[in-house]
Amino acid sequence: MNNAETIINAINGSLGVIEQEREREIISRRFGLSGHKETLEQIGEMLSITRERVRQLEKAILIRLRIAASDNKITELGAAEKLIIRNLTETGRVSRIADLAQKIYSGEPTSVQRAQLNFLATVSSVLTVVNENDKYFNAVGIAEYGDEKSIRQKVDQVVSVIKENKTPLTVDELDGKLNYEHPSHIEAIARVSKLLSTLGGLWGLSKWPTVNPRNIRDKIFVVLEDKKEPMHFAEIAKAIKGSDFKRKDVTIQAIHNELIKDPRFVLIGRGIYALDNWGFEKGTVSDIIGKVLKKAAAPMDREEIVKQVLKSRKVKETTILLNLQNKTLFTRVGKSSYKLAE
């Protein structure tokens, strides 16, 4: 029997415990076991009962199902529980429903397959369900390691540690700040949070562009930050296309346009850009020469000027020397020294 058959058998066995057809219909539609998940209002309209009555019936049915599962009266459920627990054990004891379904079905799961796993976990006495809201993804955990409240507290703890750090952390770094048996447990817990994102092995708040770049500019920033050295705009485009970003189909022209518009990026050579927080300043080569001479407050040797300018610009030495010949800006003093023109 394959995994899909094991799950279907457990679904059928669980629904078989429900005696009334109307009650089976309520559960099936509420969880989306056969198609789209329906609201209390939608089911109430179909059955000609109130929304509140649907809610009461759903609650009562689930209580009976959980009791039946706890008393081992749903014989088909045991195999499905073992399958789910085996996969959860391999992924840190807790998992988002979407991730768990992908693992069990060895591919992108359908909404119905995700709904089926959520239903079985809800019925089971050995599994814990984390219901989805603005902070948490729908997830399943092994009950002996914590109930829903406990899992949410663990998620909140990971989020708090990352917030306090103010910069993204690797799982190993998080492991050094938290008390868990294995780093995989921390990663599994972190994946339940909607407030966190991961990129390149780093975990951070979803609002941080370094782990969750939302636009081309953010992606350029992440690429340069990761490279830690200036790059040509064509190299940046190539790096984005080969990255783990969710959307990476960008053109070289689009990259160039964003580099020009965003003050975080500084043009330091022909098509070569750096981050402004690396100490690079905007301006032409003449502007940089002027700043170097102004800072020195005294004439400087030509070679020293070239050396200082090359620290913030990737240009040829001849380009710097040519700019030094601008007599309206710079005055030659002696054989090879220059100062600002008066």
Protein backbone atom coordinates (compact mmCIF):
# COMPACT_ATOMS: atom_id res chain seq x y z
CA MET A 1 0.00 0.00 0.00
CA ASN A 2 1.45 3.38 -0.98
CA ASN A 3 1.26 6.56 1.11
CA ALA A 4 -1.74 8.01 -0.75
CA GLU A 5 -3.73 4.80 -0.22
CA THR A 6 -2.81 4.74 3.49
CA ILE A 7 -4.13 8.27 3.91
CA ILE A 8 -7.34 7.61 1.94
CA ASN A 9 -8.06 4.46 3.96
CA ALA A 10 -7.67 6.43 7.18
CA ILE A 11 -9.99 9.15 5.87
CA ASN A 12 -12.64 6.61 4.90
CA GLY A 13 -12.26 4.80 8.21
CA SER A 14 -12.66 8.02 10.17
CA LEU A 15 -15.70 9.18 8.21
CA GLY A 16 -17.17 5.67 8.55
CA VAL A 17 -17.39 6.15 12.30
CA ILE A 18 -19.82 9.04 11.73
CA GLU A 19 -23.29 7.50 11.46
CA GLN A 20 -25.33 10.35 9.98
CA GLU A 21 -24.82 11.39 6.37
CA ARG A 22 -25.44 15.04 7.24
CA GLU A 23 -22.66 15.00 9.81
CA ARG A 24 -20.24 13.36 7.36
CA GLU A 25 -21.13 16.08 4.88
CA ILE A 26 -20.40 18.80 7.44
CA ILE A 27 -16.95 17.42 8.27
CA SER A 28 -16.03 16.76 4.65
CA ARG A 29 -16.99 20.27 3.56
CA ARG A 30 -15.48 22.04 6.58
CA PHE A 31 -12.08 20.41 6.03
CA GLY A 32 -12.26 20.41 2.24
CA LEU A 33 -11.75 16.65 2.03
CA SER A 34 -13.26 16.40 -1.43
CA GLY A 35 -12.70 19.87 -2.78
CA HIS A 36 -12.92 23.48 -1.65
CA LYS A 37 -13.06 24.14 2.10
CA GLU A 38 -16.42 25.74 2.96
CA THR A 39 -17.43 28.24 5.62
CA LEU A 40 -19.98 27.73 8.36
CA GLU A 41 -22.36 30.05 6.47
CA GLN A 42 -22.06 28.12 3.20
CA ILE A 43 -22.75 24.78 4.88
CA GLY A 44 -25.60 26.27 6.90
CA GLU A 45 -27.28 27.56 3.74
CA MET A 46 -26.94 24.16 2.07
CA LEU A 47 -28.42 22.31 5.06
CA SER A 48 -30.94 25.04 5.93
CA ILE A 49 -29.57 25.47 9.45
CA THR A 50 -27.85 28.38 11.20
CA ARG A 51 -24.14 29.06 11.17
CA GLU A 52 -24.03 28.52 14.93
CA ARG A 53 -25.73 25.14 14.59
CA VAL A 54 -23.11 24.04 12.05
CA ARG A 55 -20.36 25.10 14.45
CA GLN A 56 -21.96 23.14 17.31
CA LEU A 57 -22.35 20.03 15.18
CA GLU A 58 -18.76 20.24 13.91
CA LYS A 59 -17.42 20.52 17.44
CA ALA A 60 -19.51 17.59 18.68
CA ILE A 61 -18.56 15.36 15.73
CA LEU A 62 -14.83 16.04 16.19
CA ILE A 63 -15.07 15.24 19.90
CA ARG A 64 -16.66 11.88 19.07
CA LEU A 65 -14.03 11.19 16.42
CA ARG A 66 -11.17 11.97 18.82
CA ILE A 67 -12.66 9.67 21.44
CA ALA A 68 -13.01 6.91 18.84
CA ALA A 69 -9.42 7.43 17.72
CA SER A 70 -8.16 7.38 21.32
CA ASP A 71 -10.08 4.13 21.93
CA ASN A 72 -8.54 2.60 18.77
CA LYS A 73 -11.97 2.26 17.15
CA ILE A 74 -10.70 3.68 13.83
CA THR A 75 -8.50 0.75 12.82
CA GLU A 76 -7.30 2.35 9.57
CA LEU A 77 -5.99 5.42 11.39
CA GLY A 78 -3.02 3.66 13.00
CA ALA A 79 -1.11 3.14 9.75
CA ALA A 80 -1.61 6.78 8.74
CA GLU A 81 -0.42 7.98 12.16
CA LYS A 82 2.75 5.91 11.86
CA LEU A 83 3.36 7.32 8.38
CA ILE A 84 2.90 10.92 9.55
CA ILE A 85 4.98 10.47 12.72
CA ARG A 86 7.81 8.84 10.75
CA ASN A 87 7.96 11.84 8.45
CA LEU A 88 7.68 14.32 11.33
CA THR A 89 10.53 12.58 13.14
CA GLU A 90 12.72 13.10 10.08
CA THR A 91 11.83 16.80 9.84
CA GLY A 92 12.14 18.00 13.44
CA ARG A 93 8.95 16.70 15.12
CA VAL A 94 6.78 19.47 13.71
CA SER A 95 6.07 20.53 10.14
CA ARG A 96 3.93 22.87 8.12
CA ILE A 97 1.10 20.92 6.51
CA ALA A 98 2.30 21.99 3.06
CA ASP A 99 5.84 20.65 3.73
CA LEU A 100 4.56 17.45 5.30
CA ALA A 101 2.23 16.77 2.37
CA GLN A 102 5.02 17.37 -0.13
CA LYS A 103 7.19 14.84 1.70
CA ILE A 104 4.49 12.20 2.04
CA TYR A 105 3.26 12.51 -1.55
CA SER A 106 6.77 13.01 -3.01
CA GLY A 107 5.74 16.05 -4.99
CA GLU A 108 3.62 19.18 -4.98
CA PRO A 109 0.45 18.23 -3.05
CA THR A 110 -3.08 19.26 -3.95
CA SER A 111 -5.25 21.31 -1.61
CA VAL A 112 -7.32 18.18 -0.95
CA GLN A 113 -4.23 16.18 0.07
CA ARG A 114 -3.21 18.93 2.50
CA ALA A 115 -6.77 19.03 3.86
CA GLN A 116 -6.77 15.26 4.38
CA LEU A 117 -3.59 15.39 6.46
CA ASN A 118 -4.97 18.26 8.51
CA PHE A 119 -8.17 16.31 9.19
CA LEU A 120 -6.35 13.13 10.26
CA ALA A 121 -4.05 15.12 12.56
CA THR A 122 -7.09 16.85 14.07
CA VAL A 123 -8.75 13.51 14.81
CA SER A 124 -5.61 11.73 16.05
CA SER A 125 -4.73 11.59 19.73
CA VAL A 126 -1.00 11.25 18.99
CA LEU A 127 -0.73 14.32 16.79
CA THR A 128 -1.05 18.06 17.46
CA VAL A 129 -2.48 20.58 15.00
CA VAL A 130 -1.41 24.22 14.89
CA ASN A 131 -4.26 26.16 13.32
CA GLU A 132 -3.38 28.88 10.85
CA ASN A 133 -3.67 32.59 11.63
CA ASP A 134 -1.70 35.78 10.92
CA LYS A 135 1.35 34.54 12.86
CA TYR A 136 1.43 30.79 12.24
CA PHE A 137 1.11 28.43 9.30
CA ASN A 138 -1.16 25.39 9.56
CA ALA A 139 1.17 22.75 11.02
CA VAL A 140 1.30 19.28 12.57
CA GLY A 141 3.44 18.08 15.45
CA ILE A 142 3.99 14.91 17.46
CA ALA A 143 1.72 15.26 20.51
CA GLU A 144 4.18 13.87 23.05
CA TYR A 145 6.48 16.84 22.35
CA GLY A 146 3.83 19.50 22.91
CA ASP A 147 0.29 20.72 22.33
CA GLU A 148 -0.69 23.65 20.10
CA LYS A 149 0.00 26.25 22.80
CA SER A 150 3.43 24.77 23.49
CA ILE A 151 4.41 24.74 19.81
CA ARG A 152 3.30 28.35 19.38
CA GLN A 153 5.36 29.37 22.41
CA LYS A 154 8.42 27.70 20.88
CA VAL A 155 7.82 29.52 17.60
CA ASP A 156 7.47 32.83 19.46
CA GLN A 157 10.75 32.14 21.28
CA VAL A 158 12.65 31.67 18.00
CA VAL A 159 11.12 34.86 16.60
CA SER A 160 12.08 36.74 19.77
CA VAL A 161 15.72 35.60 19.59
CA ILE A 162 15.98 36.74 15.95
CA LYS A 163 14.35 40.09 16.76
CA GLU A 164 16.76 40.69 19.62
CA ASN A 165 19.73 39.83 17.41
CA LYS A 166 18.53 42.41 14.82
CA THR A 167 20.29 40.53 12.01
CA PRO A 168 19.64 37.11 10.38
CA LEU A 169 21.05 33.99 12.03
CA THR A 170 21.97 30.53 10.81
CA VAL A 171 20.30 27.51 12.41
CA ASP A 172 23.58 26.67 14.15
CA GLU A 173 23.74 30.21 15.58
CA LEU A 174 20.15 29.87 16.78
CA ASP A 175 21.08 26.51 18.30
CA GLY A 176 23.73 28.29 20.36
CA LYS A 177 21.10 30.65 21.78
CA LEU A 178 18.35 28.07 22.39
CA ASN A 179 18.08 24.76 24.22
CA TYR A 180 17.08 22.01 21.77
CA GLU A 181 18.30 18.49 21.15
CA HIS A 182 19.17 19.19 17.52
CA PRO A 183 19.30 22.22 15.19
CA SER A 184 16.76 20.50 12.90
CA HIS A 185 14.14 20.96 15.63
CA ILE A 186 14.76 24.71 15.62
CA GLU A 187 14.48 24.93 11.85
CA ALA A 188 11.22 22.95 11.90
CA ILE A 189 9.76 25.29 14.50
CA ALA A 190 10.94 28.39 12.62
CA ARG A 191 9.17 27.20 9.46
CA VAL A 192 5.84 27.35 11.29
CA SER A 193 6.15 31.11 11.75
CA LYS A 194 4.70 33.53 9.19
CA LEU A 195 6.89 36.24 10.71
CA LEU A 196 10.13 34.53 9.62
CA SER A 197 11.76 33.87 6.26
CA THR A 198 14.94 32.09 5.23
CA LEU A 199 17.40 32.60 2.41
CA GLY A 200 20.87 31.23 1.85
CA GLY A 201 20.90 29.40 5.19
CA LEU A 202 19.96 32.50 7.17
CA TRP A 203 16.77 33.04 9.18
CA GLY A 204 15.37 36.51 9.76
CA LEU A 205 12.16 38.50 10.02
CA SER A 206 10.04 38.37 6.86
CA LYS A 207 10.19 42.16 6.63
CA TRP A 208 13.98 42.03 6.28
CA PRO A 209 15.01 42.17 2.59
CA THR A 210 18.15 40.13 3.29
CA VAL A 211 16.03 37.00 3.80
CA ASN A 212 12.86 37.98 1.97
CA PRO A 213 13.67 40.31 -0.95
CA ARG A 214 10.38 41.56 -2.36
CA ASN A 215 11.59 43.53 -5.37
CA ILE A 216 14.54 43.81 -7.77
CA ARG A 217 16.30 46.40 -5.62
CA ASP A 218 16.21 44.14 -2.57
CA LYS A 219 17.55 41.23 -4.62
CA ILE A 220 20.42 43.37 -5.92
CA PHE A 221 21.23 44.34 -2.33
CA VAL A 222 21.25 40.69 -1.20
CA VAL A 223 23.52 39.66 -4.10
CA LEU A 224 26.04 42.45 -3.38
CA GLU A 225 25.89 41.85 0.36
CA ASP A 226 26.57 38.15 -0.20
CA LYS A 227 29.41 38.80 -2.69
CA LYS A 228 30.93 41.47 -0.40
CA GLU A 229 32.67 43.17 -3.30
CA PRO A 230 31.68 45.43 -6.22
CA MET A 231 30.03 43.78 -9.23
CA HIS A 232 29.16 44.71 -12.81
CA PHE A 233 25.41 45.02 -13.41
CA ALA A 234 25.53 42.09 -15.86
CA GLU A 235 27.14 39.92 -13.16
CA ILE A 236 24.41 40.95 -10.72
CA ALA A 237 21.69 39.93 -13.21
CA LYS A 238 23.39 36.56 -13.69
CA ALA A 239 23.64 36.02 -9.93
CA ILE A 240 19.93 36.75 -9.45
CA LYS A 241 18.96 34.27 -12.17
CA GLY A 242 21.06 31.59 -10.47
CA SER A 243 19.78 32.35 -6.97
CA ASP A 244 17.17 30.78 -4.68
CA PHE A 245 14.87 33.82 -4.99
CA LYS A 246 11.22 33.03 -5.61
CA ARG A 247 11.12 35.31 -8.64
CA LYS A 248 14.39 35.62 -10.53
CA ASP A 249 13.45 36.21 -14.16
CA VAL A 250 14.96 39.68 -14.57
CA THR A 251 16.55 41.53 -17.46
CA ILE A 252 19.95 43.23 -17.42
CA GLN A 253 18.28 46.54 -18.30
CA ALA A 254 15.89 46.26 -15.34
CA ILE A 255 18.85 45.63 -13.04
CA HIS A 256 20.71 48.62 -14.43
CA ASN A 257 17.69 50.90 -14.03
CA GLU A 258 17.25 49.94 -10.35
CA LEU A 259 20.96 50.38 -9.64
CA ILE A 260 20.77 53.93 -10.96
CA LYS A 261 17.66 54.85 -8.94
CA ASP A 262 18.52 53.37 -5.52
CA PRO A 263 20.87 55.43 -3.27
CA ARG A 264 22.15 52.23 -1.64
CA PHE A 265 24.12 51.47 -4.82
CA VAL A 266 27.17 53.49 -5.83
CA LEU A 267 28.65 53.51 -9.33
CA ILE A 268 32.41 53.10 -8.85
CA GLY A 269 33.49 52.12 -12.34
CA ARG A 270 32.14 51.49 -15.82
CA GLY A 271 28.98 49.51 -15.00
CA ILE A 272 30.42 48.43 -11.63
CA TYR A 273 28.44 49.05 -8.46
CA ALA A 274 29.08 48.79 -4.73
CA LEU A 275 27.00 49.31 -1.60
CA ASP A 276 27.12 52.75 -0.01
CA ASN A 277 27.60 51.20 3.44
CA TRP A 278 30.98 49.89 2.28
CA GLY A 279 32.29 53.46 2.40
CA PHE A 280 31.99 54.29 -1.29
CA GLU A 281 30.81 57.78 -2.15
CA LYS A 282 28.80 59.01 -5.10
CA GLY A 283 30.30 61.40 -7.61
CA THR A 284 32.60 61.64 -10.61
CA VAL A 285 36.30 60.83 -10.49
CA SER A 286 36.97 64.57 -10.29
CA ASP A 287 34.60 64.81 -7.32
CA ILE A 288 36.49 62.04 -5.51
CA ILE A 289 39.86 63.67 -6.23
CA GLY A 290 38.49 66.90 -4.81
CA LYS A 291 37.31 65.19 -1.63
CA VAL A 292 40.69 63.48 -1.21
CA LEU A 293 42.57 66.80 -1.55
CA LYS A 294 40.12 68.66 0.69
CA LYS A 295 40.52 66.04 3.40
CA ALA A 296 44.32 66.25 3.16
CA ALA A 297 44.16 70.07 3.42
CA ALA A 298 47.58 70.18 1.75
CA PRO A 299 49.16 69.34 -1.62
CA MET A 300 49.43 65.61 -2.33
CA ASP A 301 51.72 63.55 -4.47
CA ARG A 302 50.14 62.28 -7.68
CA GLU A 303 50.74 58.62 -6.78
CA GLU A 304 49.11 59.05 -3.38
CA ILE A 305 46.08 60.72 -4.98
CA VAL A 306 45.72 57.77 -7.37
CA LYS A 307 46.02 55.33 -4.47
CA GLN A 308 43.32 57.08 -2.43
CA VAL A 309 40.88 57.40 -5.36
CA LEU A 310 41.26 53.70 -6.26
CA LYS A 311 39.99 52.83 -2.78
CA SER A 312 36.55 54.07 -3.79
CA ARG A 313 36.56 53.82 -7.57
CA LYS A 314 37.31 50.96 -9.95
CA VAL A 315 38.80 52.98 -12.79
CA LYS A 316 42.05 52.98 -14.68
CA GLU A 317 44.93 55.02 -13.25
CA THR A 318 45.08 56.97 -16.51
CA THR A 319 41.47 58.10 -15.94
CA ILE A 320 42.46 59.61 -12.61
CA LEU A 321 45.55 61.26 -14.08
CA LEU A 322 43.51 62.75 -16.92
CA ASN A 323 41.03 64.22 -14.42
CA LEU A 324 43.94 65.76 -12.51
CA GLN A 325 44.74 67.83 -15.60
CA ASN A 326 41.52 69.84 -15.11
CA LYS A 327 43.09 73.20 -14.25
CA THR A 328 39.78 74.72 -13.17
CA LEU A 329 39.63 72.20 -10.34
CA PHE A 330 43.24 71.25 -9.54
CA THR A 331 46.55 73.08 -9.51
CA ARG A 332 49.87 71.38 -10.06
CA VAL A 333 52.42 72.16 -7.36
CA GLY A 334 55.99 71.29 -8.17
CA LYS A 335 56.86 68.25 -10.27
CA SER A 336 54.16 65.74 -9.26
CA SER A 337 52.00 67.23 -6.49
CA TYR A 338 48.52 68.75 -6.72
CA LYS A 339 46.17 70.88 -4.66
CA LEU A 340 42.67 72.23 -5.10
CA ALA A 341 42.44 75.21 -7.44
CA GLU A 342 41.77 78.47 -5.66
